[in-house]
Protein backbone atom coordinates (compact mmCIF):
# COMPACT_ATOMS: atom_id res chain seq x y z
CA UNK A 1 90.43 92.95 84.73
CA UNK A 2 87.41 94.83 86.37
CA UNK A 3 84.21 93.59 85.24
CA UNK A 4 82.15 97.22 84.35
CA UNK A 5 78.94 97.44 82.54
CA UNK A 6 77.10 100.61 81.44
CA UNK A 7 74.38 102.11 83.87
CA UNK A 8 73.80 104.67 81.67
CA UNK A 9 75.34 107.41 79.41
CA UNK A 10 78.79 107.83 79.94
CA UNK A 11 78.44 106.09 83.67
CA UNK A 12 79.61 102.71 84.28
CA UNK A 13 79.91 100.54 87.14
CA UNK A 14 81.74 97.46 88.87
CA UNK A 15 80.04 94.12 88.77
CA UNK A 16 80.21 92.87 92.28
CA UNK A 17 79.09 89.60 93.44
CA UNK A 18 77.15 88.57 96.99
CA UNK A 19 78.08 84.90 98.58
CA UNK A 20 75.10 83.54 97.32
CA UNK A 21 75.81 84.33 93.64
CA UNK A 22 79.23 82.36 94.16
CA UNK A 23 79.78 78.55 93.84
CA UNK A 24 82.97 76.13 95.73
CA UNK A 25 84.71 73.68 93.22
CA UNK A 26 85.38 70.71 94.93
CA UNK A 27 88.89 68.93 93.56
CA UNK A 28 90.33 65.77 92.09
CA UNK A 29 91.49 65.21 95.65
CA UNK A 30 89.29 64.67 99.36
CA UNK A 31 90.46 63.47 102.18
CA UNK A 32 88.95 63.24 105.73
CA UNK A 33 87.39 65.39 107.76
CA UNK A 34 89.50 64.12 110.51
CA UNK A 35 92.62 65.48 109.63
CA UNK A 36 91.93 69.04 108.40
CA UNK A 37 92.68 71.87 110.33
CA UNK A 38 89.63 75.04 111.34
CA UNK A 39 92.34 76.41 113.36
CA UNK A 40 93.67 80.33 112.96
CA UNK A 41 96.05 82.35 114.72
CA UNK A 42 96.05 86.09 115.43
CA UNK A 43 99.39 87.21 116.93
CA UNK A 44 99.94 84.91 120.12
CA UNK A 45 96.24 84.00 119.93
CA UNK A 46 95.33 80.86 118.59
CA UNK A 47 92.04 79.74 118.18
CA UNK A 48 90.51 75.94 116.95
CA UNK A 49 87.19 77.67 115.13
CA UNK A 50 87.68 80.71 112.85
CA UNK A 51 85.15 81.99 115.43
CA UNK A 52 84.66 85.92 116.16
CA UNK A 53 81.59 86.72 117.97
CA UNK A 54 80.34 90.01 116.25
CA UNK A 55 79.94 92.52 119.75
CA UNK A 56 76.44 92.56 119.94
CA UNK A 57 74.69 92.61 123.99
CA UNK A 58 72.14 89.95 122.01
CA UNK A 59 74.63 87.16 122.03
CA UNK A 60 77.89 88.33 123.99
CA UNK A 61 77.31 88.42 127.79
CA UNK A 62 80.76 87.48 129.59
CA UNK A 63 78.98 84.20 130.27
CA UNK A 64 78.50 83.45 126.49
CA UNK A 65 82.18 84.94 125.88
CA UNK A 66 83.40 82.38 127.81
CA UNK A 67 81.73 79.70 126.39
CA UNK A 68 82.59 80.64 123.16
CA UNK A 69 86.19 80.64 124.20
CA UNK A 70 86.57 77.56 125.92
CA UNK A 71 84.46 76.09 122.43
CA UNK A 72 87.31 77.25 120.66
CA UNK A 73 86.17 80.88 119.41
CA UNK A 74 86.12 84.59 120.48
CA UNK A 75 83.90 86.44 122.44
CA UNK A 76 84.16 90.03 121.78
CA UNK A 77 82.68 91.71 124.63
CA UNK A 78 80.96 95.44 123.48
CA UNK A 79 82.57 97.86 125.93
CA UNK A 80 79.53 100.76 125.01
CA UNK A 81 76.85 98.24 125.81
CA UNK A 82 74.57 97.16 127.91
CA UNK A 83 77.29 95.28 130.73
CA UNK A 84 79.25 98.69 130.74
CA UNK A 85 76.16 100.48 131.74
CA UNK A 86 73.59 98.94 133.57
CA UNK A 87 74.51 96.92 136.66
CA UNK A 88 72.24 94.33 136.18
CA UNK A 89 72.26 93.88 132.57
CA UNK A 90 70.04 91.01 132.63
CA UNK A 91 67.24 93.09 133.98
CA UNK A 92 67.59 95.45 131.08
CA UNK A 93 67.76 92.59 128.62
CA UNK A 94 64.67 90.85 130.41
CA UNK A 95 62.82 94.56 130.05
CA UNK A 96 63.58 94.15 126.01
CA UNK A 97 62.07 90.93 126.31
CA UNK A 98 58.74 92.10 127.68
CA UNK A 99 58.47 94.82 125.08
CA UNK A 100 59.17 92.04 122.13
CA UNK A 101 56.22 89.66 123.74
CA UNK A 102 54.14 92.90 123.92
CA UNK A 103 54.70 94.65 120.87
CA UNK A 104 55.62 93.21 117.40
CA UNK A 105 56.51 96.66 115.80
CA UNK A 106 60.70 97.24 115.46
CA UNK A 107 60.44 101.19 116.11
CA UNK A 108 59.71 100.58 119.17
CA UNK A 109 62.02 97.79 120.17
CA UNK A 110 64.56 100.65 118.68
CA UNK A 111 63.78 102.99 121.08
CA UNK A 112 63.77 101.27 124.29
CA UNK A 113 67.61 100.06 122.99
CA UNK A 114 67.92 103.84 123.04
CA UNK A 115 66.57 104.32 125.69
CA UNK A 116 69.09 101.22 127.72
CA UNK A 117 72.10 103.17 125.91
CA UNK A 118 71.40 106.50 127.27
CA UNK A 119 72.27 105.49 130.20
CA UNK A 120 76.19 106.53 131.14
CA UNK A 121 79.33 104.71 130.26
CA UNK A 122 80.70 103.08 133.79
CA UNK A 123 84.60 101.47 133.73
CA UNK A 124 83.72 99.67 136.55
CA UNK A 125 81.00 97.78 135.25
CA UNK A 126 83.39 96.75 131.88
CA UNK A 127 86.06 96.27 134.36
CA UNK A 128 84.17 93.47 136.35
CA UNK A 129 83.04 91.79 132.81
CA UNK A 130 86.12 91.10 131.62
CA UNK A 131 87.67 89.72 134.62
CA UNK A 132 84.77 87.31 134.40
CA UNK A 133 86.12 86.35 131.00
CA UNK A 134 89.80 86.47 132.11
CA UNK A 135 89.85 84.82 134.97
CA UNK A 136 87.92 82.12 133.01
CA UNK A 137 91.07 81.54 131.02
CA UNK A 138 89.72 82.33 127.59
CA UNK A 139 91.11 85.23 125.18
CA UNK A 140 89.55 88.91 126.08
CA UNK A 141 88.52 90.75 123.41
CA UNK A 142 86.45 94.07 123.76
CA UNK A 143 84.90 96.34 121.41
CA UNK A 144 85.19 100.08 120.81
CA UNK A 145 83.43 102.94 118.04
CA UNK A 146 86.21 105.16 116.73
CA UNK A 147 85.00 107.60 118.64
CA UNK A 148 85.56 106.55 122.36
CA UNK A 149 88.57 104.57 121.14
CA UNK A 150 90.72 106.92 123.26
CA UNK A 151 88.83 107.26 125.97
CA UNK A 152 87.73 103.74 126.64
CA UNK A 153 91.27 101.56 125.17
CA UNK A 154 93.24 102.41 128.45
CA UNK A 155 90.78 100.88 131.05
CA UNK A 156 90.01 98.03 128.96
CA UNK A 157 93.65 97.16 128.69
CA UNK A 158 94.15 97.75 132.65
CA UNK A 159 91.28 95.69 133.25
CA UNK A 160 93.03 92.78 130.83
CA UNK A 161 91.50 93.09 127.55
CA UNK A 162 93.76 90.84 125.16
CA UNK A 163 92.50 91.45 121.70
CA UNK A 164 90.87 95.28 121.15
CA UNK A 165 88.50 95.46 118.22
CA UNK A 166 87.60 99.02 116.78
CA UNK A 167 84.52 98.47 114.90
CA UNK A 168 82.02 101.22 113.16
CA UNK A 169 79.67 100.32 110.55
CA UNK A 170 82.47 102.29 108.01
CA UNK A 171 85.77 102.99 109.66
CA UNK A 172 88.57 104.47 107.56
CA UNK A 173 92.34 105.65 108.04
CA UNK A 174 91.30 108.77 107.34
CA UNK A 175 88.84 110.66 108.98
CA UNK A 176 88.16 114.41 108.42
CA UNK A 177 86.71 116.38 111.51
CA UNK A 178 84.37 119.42 112.09
CA UNK A 179 86.11 122.96 113.72
CA UNK A 180 87.49 121.43 117.26
CA UNK A 181 86.99 118.27 116.94
CA UNK A 182 90.04 115.48 117.36
CA UNK A 183 89.70 112.63 114.73
CA UNK A 184 90.72 109.25 115.73
CA UNK A 185 94.50 108.88 114.53
CA UNK A 186 94.22 105.05 113.85
CA UNK A 187 98.23 105.23 113.14
CA UNK A 188 99.26 106.63 116.51
CA UNK A 189 96.54 104.77 118.24
CA UNK A 190 97.71 101.51 117.42
CA UNK A 191 101.06 102.20 117.90
CA UNK A 192 101.02 103.17 121.24
CA UNK A 193 99.03 100.13 122.09
CA UNK A 194 100.49 96.62 123.80
CA UNK A 195 97.87 94.19 122.15
CA UNK A 196 96.73 93.59 118.67
CA UNK A 197 93.87 95.42 116.96
CA UNK A 198 91.63 94.46 114.71
CA UNK A 199 89.68 97.42 113.03
CA UNK A 200 86.83 97.86 110.27
CA UNK A 201 84.30 97.85 108.78
CA UNK A 202 85.57 98.24 105.27
CA UNK A 203 84.32 97.29 101.79
CA UNK A 204 86.87 98.20 99.05
CA UNK A 205 90.94 97.09 98.36
CA UNK A 206 92.35 101.25 99.04
CA UNK A 207 90.38 101.22 102.50
CA UNK A 208 91.51 97.75 103.55
CA UNK A 209 95.11 98.80 102.41
CA UNK A 210 95.02 102.01 104.12
CA UNK A 211 93.88 99.90 107.68
CA UNK A 212 96.47 97.79 107.03
CA UNK A 213 98.92 100.21 106.87
CA UNK A 214 97.82 101.79 110.43
CA UNK A 215 99.77 98.20 111.81
CA UNK A 216 96.38 96.55 112.42
CA UNK A 217 96.58 92.93 113.08
CA UNK A 218 92.76 92.48 111.62
CA UNK A 219 90.48 93.92 109.40
CA UNK A 220 86.71 93.73 109.34
CA UNK A 221 85.55 93.44 105.92
CA UNK A 222 81.48 94.47 105.97
CA UNK A 223 78.47 96.15 107.57
CA UNK A 224 77.72 93.50 109.71
CA UNK A 225 75.11 93.06 107.19
CA UNK A 226 72.52 90.85 108.42
CA UNK A 227 69.40 90.15 105.97
CA UNK A 228 66.61 91.16 107.90
CA UNK A 229 68.37 93.15 110.25
CA UNK A 230 70.80 95.69 109.29
CA UNK A 231 69.89 98.73 106.74
CA UNK A 232 73.24 100.27 105.98
CA UNK A 233 72.16 99.55 102.68
CA UNK A 234 68.57 101.54 102.54
CA UNK A 235 69.61 104.31 105.22
CA UNK A 236 72.85 105.34 103.56
CA UNK A 237 73.11 103.65 100.11
CA UNK A 238 76.14 102.37 101.00
CA UNK A 239 77.15 98.57 100.59
CA UNK A 240 79.23 96.21 98.33
CA UNK A 241 78.23 92.68 98.12
CA UNK A 242 80.29 90.41 100.30
CA UNK A 243 81.99 87.88 98.10
CA UNK A 244 83.65 90.70 95.97
CA UNK A 245 84.25 93.00 99.07
CA UNK A 246 86.49 89.95 100.66
CA UNK A 247 88.15 89.11 97.70
CA UNK A 248 89.41 92.90 97.24
CA UNK A 249 90.40 93.04 100.92
CA UNK A 250 92.35 89.38 100.43
CA UNK A 251 93.96 91.08 97.17
CA UNK A 252 95.05 94.30 99.57
CA UNK A 253 96.70 91.87 101.74
CA UNK A 254 98.64 90.15 99.56
CA UNK A 255 100.20 93.47 97.95
CA UNK A 256 100.65 94.95 101.78
CA UNK A 257 102.42 91.47 102.48
CA UNK A 258 104.39 91.93 99.60
CA UNK A 259 105.44 96.02 100.84
CA UNK A 260 106.09 95.27 103.92
CA UNK A 261 108.06 91.96 103.32
CA UNK A 262 105.91 89.51 105.38
CA UNK A 263 103.57 91.17 107.53
CA UNK A 264 100.71 89.33 107.35
CA UNK A 265 97.25 91.17 108.05
CA UNK A 266 94.38 88.90 109.31
CA UNK A 267 90.83 89.26 106.88
CA UNK A 268 87.11 88.69 109.19
CA UNK A 269 84.50 88.54 107.03
CA UNK A 270 81.40 90.31 109.32
CA UNK A 271 77.82 90.21 107.72
CA UNK A 272 75.48 88.62 105.33
CA UNK A 273 77.16 84.70 106.90
CA UNK A 274 73.33 83.04 107.76
CA UNK A 275 74.63 79.17 106.56
CA UNK A 276 77.63 77.22 106.83
CA UNK A 277 78.18 77.27 103.26
CA UNK A 278 78.09 80.90 103.50
CA UNK A 279 81.06 80.53 106.17
CA UNK A 280 82.87 78.00 103.67
CA UNK A 281 82.32 80.67 100.73
CA UNK A 282 83.92 82.96 102.89
CA UNK A 283 86.92 81.57 103.50
CA UNK A 284 87.29 80.20 99.97
CA UNK A 285 87.21 84.30 99.21
CA UNK A 286 90.21 84.90 100.94
CA UNK A 287 88.51 85.87 104.80
CA UNK A 288 90.55 84.38 107.38
CA UNK A 289 87.87 84.16 109.91
CA UNK A 290 84.36 84.98 110.08
CA UNK A 291 82.68 87.49 112.34
CA UNK A 292 79.18 85.76 113.41
CA UNK A 293 75.89 87.67 114.66
CA UNK A 294 72.20 86.22 113.87
CA UNK A 295 73.50 82.79 113.61
CA UNK A 296 74.47 82.66 117.28
CA UNK A 297 71.54 84.42 118.55
CA UNK A 298 69.89 80.68 117.86
CA UNK A 299 71.36 79.35 120.85
CA UNK A 300 70.55 78.51 124.27
CA UNK A 301 72.81 80.80 125.77
CA UNK A 302 72.64 84.09 124.09
CA UNK A 303 71.49 86.62 126.37
CA UNK A 304 68.86 88.29 123.67
CA UNK A 305 67.02 84.73 123.84
CA UNK A 306 66.60 84.34 120.64
CA UNK A 307 66.19 88.33 119.15
CA UNK A 308 69.35 89.74 117.81
CA UNK A 309 70.24 93.50 116.50
CA UNK A 310 73.64 95.14 116.02
CA UNK A 311 75.01 97.93 117.86
CA UNK A 312 73.98 100.34 115.41
CA UNK A 313 70.89 100.09 116.56
CA UNK A 314 70.96 102.28 120.00
CA UNK A 315 72.50 105.11 117.62
CA UNK A 316 70.78 108.01 119.22
CA UNK A 317 69.96 109.73 115.71
CA UNK A 318 70.29 107.30 112.65
CA UNK A 319 69.61 103.82 113.78
CA UNK A 320 70.74 101.47 110.94
CA UNK A 321 70.00 98.08 112.83
CA UNK A 322 66.23 96.10 113.79
CA UNK A 323 65.64 93.73 116.67
CA UNK A 324 64.44 90.78 115.03
CA UNK A 325 63.86 87.31 116.07
CA UNK A 326 66.46 84.42 115.52
CA UNK A 327 65.36 81.93 112.07
CA UNK A 328 65.65 77.97 113.30
CA UNK A 329 65.69 75.73 116.11
CA UNK A 330 66.97 77.06 119.19
CA UNK A 331 70.04 74.57 120.44
CA UNK A 332 72.92 74.69 122.96
CA UNK A 333 75.69 76.48 122.07
CA UNK A 334 78.01 73.86 121.41
CA UNK A 335 75.37 71.79 119.07
CA UNK A 336 75.38 75.32 117.27
CA UNK A 337 78.89 75.35 116.28
CA UNK A 338 79.76 71.53 116.61
CA UNK A 339 76.87 69.90 115.64
CA UNK A 340 75.21 67.02 115.53
CA UNK A 341 73.20 68.58 113.27
CA UNK A 342 69.17 67.71 113.00
CA UNK A 343 68.27 69.56 109.52
CA UNK A 344 69.37 69.73 106.50
CA UNK A 345 69.27 73.61 106.25
CA UNK A 346 73.04 74.26 107.55
CA UNK A 347 71.75 76.74 110.26
CA UNK A 348 73.36 73.88 113.01
CA UNK A 349 76.99 72.08 113.03
CA UNK A 350 78.19 75.14 111.80
CA UNK A 351 81.95 74.14 111.64
CA UNK A 352 81.71 70.57 111.37
CA UNK A 353 80.27 72.02 108.23
CA UNK A 354 83.48 73.86 107.46
CA UNK A 355 85.52 70.80 108.40
CA UNK A 356 83.54 68.66 105.91
CA UNK A 357 84.04 71.65 103.16
CA UNK A 358 87.58 71.55 103.64
CA UNK A 359 87.67 67.59 103.28
CA UNK A 360 85.46 67.13 100.28
CA UNK A 361 87.80 69.84 98.29
CA UNK A 362 90.80 68.13 99.84
CA UNK A 363 92.20 70.83 101.78
CA UNK A 364 93.81 70.50 104.95
CA UNK A 365 93.74 74.09 106.53
CA UNK A 366 92.04 77.16 106.19
CA UNK A 367 95.29 78.87 104.17
CA UNK A 368 94.92 76.53 102.04
CA UNK A 369 91.05 76.35 101.49
CA UNK A 370 91.16 80.19 100.51
CA UNK A 371 93.25 78.60 97.33
CA UNK A 372 90.18 77.08 96.05
CA UNK A 373 88.16 77.60 92.80
CA UNK A 374 85.29 79.17 92.85
CA UNK A 375 82.89 79.75 90.30
CA UNK A 376 79.50 82.35 89.96
CA UNK A 377 76.43 81.94 88.40
CA UNK A 378 75.72 85.64 86.89
């Protein structure tokens, strides 16, 4: 039954919860963290960590995509980002870093990002980036926006992309376009592809169900929200707290499973995850994997060298992301993901902590852990 509260005469609103509002309840059984599994599989692709890197140039370059793959996660290249527009993307980023050293005005950095993204997309550059990842022997994934999916997908598949991510701030299965504009029909688009498609973001049951019915292999829940980084809620007034959004998407997944007689669609949590406890709570609320952005910016290997932003920062007319410095101690990527940790704030050894959470509550894998009891403080 929906928890409705009256916000004024004749108007009610549903009460919703963020990850900070919920806690995981321990069970009567515990087990060794050495005998639990954090692996997940989407289509034919298996990963030892339920980790998908948010497709931001600040954290995913061809080199870091390879490193993430070797460590058990999935790095997603931004096929509309700097590696697709500049022959020397590292030099472009170096210029941004110099600007950051001279100015602490977020608007200045966003303006420079917009200028860098004004360069035209070059298919040969993203093909070269994809080739680098493919030849390293790890799974290749790339992100396109809904506006450019039809245009870019054939080139990406020809280059060797194995998982396609269609991601925007808010993605729907039905888009009403202006006269003369042909909207993306996700169902037809996905049906014509031979690779699994992950689509999003969404934050409610109905939209999640609609995306699942398009044939998507995975649905991204959230708007890539990161405290202090994204501003979709301030700019558009749109947002649903992550715990509630995940539980609703998981309900859509269950109903779609029944509707289709067994087709399982993966749910990915994107945004608002800042520490290992958030990752555990996202899985407990129904996520199959998490899409991390800002937490990965603390890695030495991150191309942004401690800066972080989402692709929405480069929107030419309505940016919804800032360029910020990543909080926390900077360590190598392997330590960040797998430890050991040197402090107790949950920002290092992110997935070692997830293993421990499974072990402390007695669950052996992620599917079981999705059934763990949770409580709320409010």
